[in-house]
């Protein structure tokens, strides 16, 4: 069951990063294609996911 939960949380993090990147692309001002805010918005979600996963794994270890 733990593996299924981990896969589900990764899927949720992937969806959240796509939604966050989409939101960043919508809220950009200007007419040029500037991908750095989109990539940084998506990356921030994954950093949060892995830091929380690292924290939970550390709390479970002996």
N, C-alpha and C. Protein backbone atom coordinates (compact mmCIF):
# COMPACT_ATOMS: atom_id res chain seq x y z
N UNK A 1 0.82 -1.19 0.00
CA UNK A 1 0.00 0.00 0.00
C UNK A 1 0.86 1.26 0.00
N UNK A 2 2.01 1.22 0.63
CA UNK A 2 2.90 2.38 0.69
C UNK A 2 3.35 2.80 -0.69
N UNK A 3 3.66 1.85 -1.56
CA UNK A 3 4.12 2.17 -2.91
C UNK A 3 3.01 2.87 -3.70
N UNK A 4 1.77 2.42 -3.55
CA UNK A 4 0.66 3.06 -4.25
C UNK A 4 0.46 4.49 -3.78
N UNK A 5 0.61 4.73 -2.50
CA UNK A 5 0.47 6.08 -1.96
C UNK A 5 1.59 6.97 -2.48
N UNK A 6 2.79 6.42 -2.57
CA UNK A 6 3.92 7.20 -3.06
C UNK A 6 3.71 7.55 -4.54
N UNK A 7 3.20 6.61 -5.31
CA UNK A 7 2.93 6.88 -6.72
C UNK A 7 1.83 7.92 -6.86
N UNK A 8 0.81 7.84 -6.02
CA UNK A 8 -0.27 8.81 -6.04
C UNK A 8 0.24 10.21 -5.71
N UNK A 9 1.10 10.32 -4.70
CA UNK A 9 1.64 11.63 -4.32
C UNK A 9 2.53 12.20 -5.42
N UNK A 10 3.29 11.36 -6.11
CA UNK A 10 4.09 11.84 -7.23
C UNK A 10 3.19 12.35 -8.36
N UNK A 11 2.11 11.65 -8.61
CA UNK A 11 1.17 12.09 -9.64
C UNK A 11 0.53 13.43 -9.27
N UNK A 12 0.19 13.58 -8.00
CA UNK A 12 -0.36 14.85 -7.54
C UNK A 12 0.67 15.96 -7.67
N UNK A 13 1.93 15.68 -7.33
CA UNK A 13 2.98 16.69 -7.46
C UNK A 13 3.20 17.05 -8.92
N UNK A 14 3.12 16.08 -9.82
CA UNK A 14 3.28 16.37 -11.24
C UNK A 14 2.13 17.25 -11.73
N UNK A 15 0.91 16.96 -11.32
CA UNK A 15 -0.23 17.78 -11.71
C UNK A 15 -0.13 19.18 -11.14
N UNK A 16 0.33 19.28 -9.89
CA UNK A 16 0.48 20.60 -9.28
C UNK A 16 1.58 21.40 -9.96
N UNK A 17 2.65 20.74 -10.37
CA UNK A 17 3.72 21.48 -11.05
C UNK A 17 3.27 21.96 -12.42
N UNK A 18 2.50 21.14 -13.12
CA UNK A 18 1.96 21.59 -14.41
C UNK A 18 0.99 22.74 -14.24
N UNK A 19 0.14 22.66 -13.22
CA UNK A 19 -0.81 23.75 -12.96
C UNK A 19 -0.07 25.02 -12.56
N UNK A 20 0.96 24.88 -11.75
CA UNK A 20 1.74 26.03 -11.32
C UNK A 20 2.49 26.65 -12.50
N UNK A 21 3.04 25.83 -13.37
CA UNK A 21 3.70 26.35 -14.57
C UNK A 21 2.73 27.02 -15.52
N UNK A 22 1.55 26.45 -15.65
CA UNK A 22 0.53 27.06 -16.50
C UNK A 22 0.10 28.41 -15.94
N UNK A 23 -0.07 28.48 -14.62
CA UNK A 23 -0.44 29.74 -13.98
C UNK A 23 0.66 30.79 -14.19
N UNK A 24 1.90 30.37 -14.07
CA UNK A 24 3.00 31.31 -14.28
C UNK A 24 3.04 31.80 -15.72
N UNK A 25 2.71 30.93 -16.66
CA UNK A 25 2.71 31.35 -18.07
C UNK A 25 1.57 32.32 -18.36
N UNK A 26 0.44 32.15 -17.69
CA UNK A 26 -0.69 33.05 -17.89
C UNK A 26 -0.41 34.43 -17.31
N UNK A 27 0.20 34.47 -16.16
CA UNK A 27 0.38 35.74 -15.45
C UNK A 27 1.60 36.52 -15.91
N UNK A 28 2.36 35.99 -16.86
CA UNK A 28 3.52 36.74 -17.37
C UNK A 28 3.04 37.95 -18.14
N UNK A 29 3.76 39.03 -17.96
CA UNK A 29 3.45 40.21 -18.75
C UNK A 29 4.43 40.29 -19.92
N UNK A 30 4.02 40.91 -20.99
CA UNK A 30 4.89 41.02 -22.16
C UNK A 30 4.45 40.07 -23.24
N UNK A 31 5.05 40.23 -24.41
CA UNK A 31 4.65 39.45 -25.56
C UNK A 31 5.63 38.36 -25.93
N UNK A 32 6.85 38.41 -25.41
CA UNK A 32 7.85 37.40 -25.75
C UNK A 32 7.67 36.13 -24.95
N UNK A 33 8.22 35.05 -25.48
CA UNK A 33 8.16 33.77 -24.78
C UNK A 33 9.30 33.71 -23.78
N UNK A 34 8.98 33.80 -22.52
CA UNK A 34 9.98 33.74 -21.46
C UNK A 34 9.66 32.52 -20.60
N UNK A 35 10.45 31.49 -20.73
CA UNK A 35 10.15 30.22 -20.08
C UNK A 35 10.75 30.09 -18.69
N UNK A 36 11.64 30.99 -18.28
CA UNK A 36 12.27 30.81 -16.98
C UNK A 36 11.29 30.89 -15.81
N UNK A 37 10.29 31.79 -15.79
CA UNK A 37 9.34 31.75 -14.66
C UNK A 37 8.50 30.48 -14.64
N UNK A 38 8.18 29.95 -15.81
CA UNK A 38 7.40 28.72 -15.88
C UNK A 38 8.20 27.56 -15.33
N UNK A 39 9.44 27.45 -15.75
CA UNK A 39 10.30 26.35 -15.28
C UNK A 39 10.56 26.48 -13.78
N UNK A 40 10.79 27.70 -13.31
CA UNK A 40 11.03 27.89 -11.88
C UNK A 40 9.78 27.58 -11.06
N UNK A 41 8.61 27.92 -11.58
CA UNK A 41 7.38 27.60 -10.87
C UNK A 41 7.18 26.09 -10.78
N UNK A 42 7.46 25.39 -11.87
CA UNK A 42 7.32 23.93 -11.86
C UNK A 42 8.37 23.29 -10.96
N UNK A 43 9.57 23.82 -11.00
CA UNK A 43 10.66 23.28 -10.19
C UNK A 43 10.39 23.49 -8.70
N UNK A 44 9.77 24.59 -8.34
CA UNK A 44 9.49 24.85 -6.92
C UNK A 44 8.55 23.81 -6.33
N UNK A 45 7.60 23.33 -7.12
CA UNK A 45 6.70 22.29 -6.63
C UNK A 45 7.47 21.00 -6.38
N UNK A 46 8.37 20.64 -7.28
CA UNK A 46 9.14 19.40 -7.11
C UNK A 46 10.12 19.50 -5.95
N UNK A 47 10.69 20.67 -5.73
CA UNK A 47 11.58 20.85 -4.57
C UNK A 47 10.78 20.68 -3.28
N UNK A 48 9.59 21.23 -3.25
CA UNK A 48 8.73 21.07 -2.07
C UNK A 48 8.37 19.61 -1.86
N UNK A 49 8.02 18.92 -2.95
CA UNK A 49 7.66 17.50 -2.84
C UNK A 49 8.82 16.68 -2.29
N UNK A 50 10.01 16.86 -2.85
CA UNK A 50 11.14 16.05 -2.40
C UNK A 50 11.60 16.42 -1.00
N UNK A 51 11.45 17.69 -0.60
CA UNK A 51 11.84 18.05 0.76
C UNK A 51 10.86 17.46 1.78
N UNK A 52 9.57 17.44 1.45
CA UNK A 52 8.60 16.83 2.36
C UNK A 52 8.80 15.31 2.39
N UNK A 53 9.09 14.70 1.24
CA UNK A 53 9.36 13.26 1.22
C UNK A 53 10.61 12.92 2.03
N UNK A 54 11.63 13.76 1.94
CA UNK A 54 12.86 13.56 2.72
C UNK A 54 12.57 13.70 4.21
N UNK A 55 11.75 14.68 4.57
CA UNK A 55 11.39 14.89 5.97
C UNK A 55 10.62 13.71 6.53
N UNK A 56 9.65 13.22 5.77
CA UNK A 56 8.84 12.08 6.23
C UNK A 56 9.71 10.83 6.34
N UNK A 57 10.60 10.62 5.38
CA UNK A 57 11.49 9.46 5.43
C UNK A 57 12.42 9.54 6.64
N UNK A 58 12.87 10.75 6.97
CA UNK A 58 13.71 10.92 8.16
C UNK A 58 12.95 10.69 9.44
N UNK A 59 11.68 11.02 9.46
CA UNK A 59 10.88 10.80 10.65
C UNK A 59 10.57 9.33 10.84
N UNK A 60 10.56 8.55 9.76
CA UNK A 60 10.25 7.13 9.85
C UNK A 60 11.47 6.30 10.21
N UNK A 61 12.68 6.83 9.99
CA UNK A 61 13.88 6.02 10.27
C UNK A 61 14.13 5.97 11.77
N UNK A 62 14.89 4.98 12.15
CA UNK A 62 15.19 4.79 13.59
C UNK A 62 16.46 5.47 13.99
